[in-house]
Amino acid sequence: MQLGWILRIKVLLALGRTSEVRDAFADMEQTLDKDKKPNWGFLPEVGLPAYAWFEIVAAATTGDYAAADKVLANLLVAAKREQKQRLNNLGVSAGVALMRNAADQFGIQTPLNDVIQSLLTPPEMLPGGRLGALLERPAVRPDARSGDAKPDTRG
C-alpha cells in the first residue's frame, strides 16, 4: 500500500495535478492517528523523508509557502535532535574506548573497568536504564598482606 501511495503522488506531481496531491494527503491523513505522518522511507535523490518532500513540493507548487516552510522547519528540528543524539553517542563511545585502552595499558582488572564504564555512561544507556546493579556490587579493596583483592566488608 505504501508503494501505491508513493507512485500515485509522484505521478500526480509529475502531471502538475497538485490539488489532487493535497486531496490525497487529506484522505490518507484521516486514516492515521492525529499529528502522525506516514513513514514512506527516505528519498535519496533529495536526501529527505519521502512524505515530507512530497508535502513541500505540493505546498510550494500551489503557492502555500508557509506550509512548505513549516515542513522544512520540522525537518530541521528533527535533524538537530538526531545530530545531538549521534554526537552524544559518539562522545560516550569515544570515552569508553579511551577508558578501555587506558585500563589495558595500566592492567586494571575487568570488574573495575566495568565500574568505570558504568560511571561514564549516561544512566539511560545502561542495561535496564539504572545504576541499581552497579550499586549492589560489593566494593573491592586490596589485601594489605598479599595484595590480593578482597570484598570490602567495612560498610
Protein backbone atom coordinates (compact mmCIF):
# COMPACT_ATOMS: atom_id res chain seq x y z
CA MET A 1 0.00 0.00 0.00
CA GLN A 2 2.86 2.40 0.81
CA LEU A 3 4.37 1.98 -2.66
CA GLY A 4 0.96 2.63 -4.24
CA TRP A 5 0.64 5.95 -2.40
CA ILE A 6 4.18 6.99 -3.34
CA LEU A 7 3.65 6.19 -7.02
CA ARG A 8 0.29 7.98 -7.00
CA ILE A 9 1.81 11.12 -5.50
CA LYS A 10 4.80 11.04 -7.88
CA VAL A 11 2.54 10.70 -10.94
CA LEU A 12 0.17 13.43 -9.78
CA LEU A 13 3.08 15.80 -9.12
CA ALA A 14 4.67 14.97 -12.49
CA LEU A 15 1.37 15.81 -14.19
CA GLY A 16 1.07 19.08 -12.26
CA ARG A 17 -2.11 17.98 -10.50
CA THR A 18 -1.09 19.39 -7.13
CA SER A 19 -4.62 19.97 -5.87
CA GLU A 20 -5.22 16.21 -6.21
CA VAL A 21 -1.99 15.58 -4.28
CA ARG A 22 -3.25 17.68 -1.41
CA ASP A 23 -6.61 15.89 -1.55
CA ALA A 24 -4.80 12.54 -1.44
CA PHE A 25 -2.81 13.71 1.59
CA ALA A 26 -6.00 14.78 3.34
CA ASP A 27 -7.68 11.43 2.59
CA MET A 28 -4.71 9.47 3.84
CA GLU A 29 -4.21 11.56 6.98
CA GLN A 30 -7.80 10.83 8.00
CA THR A 31 -6.82 7.16 8.39
CA LEU A 32 -3.86 7.98 10.65
CA ASP A 33 -3.62 8.96 14.29
CA LYS A 34 -3.76 12.70 14.93
CA ASP A 35 -0.46 14.51 14.21
CA LYS A 36 1.10 11.32 12.85
CA LYS A 37 2.65 11.23 9.40
CA PRO A 38 3.17 8.06 7.38
CA ASN A 39 6.67 6.63 7.15
CA TRP A 40 7.35 6.32 3.43
CA GLY A 41 11.07 5.94 3.83
CA PHE A 42 13.82 8.16 2.52
CA LEU A 43 14.26 9.69 -0.95
CA PRO A 44 18.00 9.52 -1.62
CA GLU A 45 17.71 11.81 -4.63
CA VAL A 46 16.71 14.71 -2.37
CA GLY A 47 18.07 13.49 0.96
CA LEU A 48 14.76 13.83 2.78
CA PRO A 49 11.95 11.63 4.04
CA ALA A 50 9.59 10.91 1.12
CA TYR A 51 6.37 12.10 2.71
CA ALA A 52 7.92 15.38 3.88
CA TRP A 53 9.38 16.02 0.42
CA PHE A 54 6.01 15.48 -1.25
CA GLU A 55 4.39 17.82 1.29
CA ILE A 56 7.00 20.50 0.49
CA VAL A 57 6.58 20.15 -3.27
CA ALA A 58 2.78 20.11 -3.12
CA ALA A 59 2.70 23.18 -0.87
CA ALA A 60 5.28 25.14 -2.86
CA THR A 61 3.69 24.43 -6.24
CA THR A 62 0.35 25.76 -5.03
CA GLY A 63 1.97 28.86 -3.53
CA ASP A 64 1.46 27.80 0.08
CA TYR A 65 5.00 28.71 1.12
CA ALA A 66 4.06 28.92 4.79
CA ALA A 67 3.10 25.22 4.76
CA ALA A 68 6.33 24.33 2.94
CA ASP A 69 8.34 26.36 5.46
CA LYS A 70 6.57 24.60 8.33
CA VAL A 71 7.53 21.17 6.97
CA LEU A 72 11.13 22.34 6.46
CA ALA A 73 11.26 23.77 10.00
CA ASN A 74 10.03 20.44 11.43
CA LEU A 75 12.68 18.59 9.42
CA LEU A 76 15.36 20.95 10.75
CA VAL A 77 14.27 20.39 14.37
CA ALA A 78 14.31 16.61 13.86
CA ALA A 79 17.75 16.76 12.17
CA LYS A 80 19.21 18.81 15.04
CA ARG A 81 17.77 16.41 17.61
CA GLU A 82 19.21 13.41 15.74
CA GLN A 83 22.58 15.13 15.33
CA LYS A 84 22.74 15.89 19.06
CA GLN A 85 21.94 12.26 19.92
CA ARG A 86 24.56 10.95 17.48
CA LEU A 87 27.21 13.29 18.85
CA ASN A 88 26.35 12.26 22.40
CA ASN A 89 26.61 8.57 21.47
CA LEU A 90 29.90 9.23 19.70
CA GLY A 91 31.26 11.02 22.77
CA VAL A 92 30.25 8.17 25.07
CA SER A 93 31.73 5.60 22.69
CA ALA A 94 34.98 7.53 22.43
CA GLY A 95 35.17 7.87 26.22
CA VAL A 96 34.56 4.17 26.73
CA ALA A 97 37.19 3.28 24.11
CA LEU A 98 39.75 5.57 25.75
CA MET A 99 38.91 4.16 29.18
CA ARG A 100 39.29 0.57 27.96
CA ASN A 101 42.61 1.39 26.32
CA ALA A 102 43.86 3.04 29.50
CA ALA A 103 42.63 0.11 31.59
CA ASP A 104 44.53 -2.29 29.32
CA GLN A 105 47.66 -0.14 29.47
CA PHE A 106 47.62 0.03 33.28
CA GLY A 107 46.42 -3.54 33.84
CA ILE A 108 43.15 -2.59 35.53
CA GLN A 109 41.01 -5.65 36.15
CA THR A 110 37.77 -6.10 34.21
CA PRO A 111 35.34 -5.55 37.14
CA LEU A 112 36.88 -2.14 37.83
CA ASN A 113 36.82 -1.45 34.11
CA ASP A 114 33.05 -2.18 34.13
CA VAL A 115 32.55 0.17 37.09
CA ILE A 116 34.39 2.98 35.30
CA GLN A 117 32.42 2.38 32.11
CA SER A 118 29.16 2.49 34.08
CA LEU A 119 30.16 5.81 35.61
CA LEU A 120 30.99 7.25 32.17
CA THR A 121 27.78 6.02 30.57
CA PRO A 122 24.58 8.07 30.91
CA PRO A 123 22.00 6.14 33.01
CA GLU A 124 19.56 5.84 30.10
CA MET A 125 22.19 3.93 28.10
CA LEU A 126 22.87 1.36 30.84
CA PRO A 127 21.10 -2.02 30.72
CA GLY A 128 17.79 -1.53 32.43
CA GLY A 129 18.36 2.23 32.43
CA ARG A 130 19.51 2.47 36.05
CA LEU A 131 22.53 2.09 38.27
CA GLY A 132 20.94 -0.41 40.70
CA ALA A 133 23.07 -3.41 39.73
CA LEU A 134 26.23 -1.34 40.00
CA LEU A 135 25.32 -0.06 43.46
CA GLU A 136 24.56 -3.57 44.71
CA ARG A 137 28.04 -4.82 43.75
CA PRO A 138 30.38 -5.10 46.78
CA ALA A 139 33.38 -2.79 46.80
CA VAL A 140 36.81 -4.37 46.35
CA ARG A 141 39.84 -3.45 48.45
CA PRO A 142 43.37 -4.79 48.16
CA ASP A 143 44.51 -7.11 50.96
CA ALA A 144 47.42 -5.37 52.68
CA ARG A 145 49.32 -8.60 53.33
CA SER A 146 49.10 -10.31 49.95
CA GLY A 147 47.99 -7.54 47.57
CA ASP A 148 45.02 -9.68 46.50
CA ALA A 149 41.61 -8.05 46.08
CA LYS A 150 39.10 -8.86 48.85
CA PRO A 151 35.46 -7.80 49.21
CA ASP A 152 35.19 -4.70 51.39
CA THR A 153 33.04 -5.62 54.40
CA ARG A 154 33.69 -2.46 56.37
CA GLY A 155 30.41 -0.88 55.19
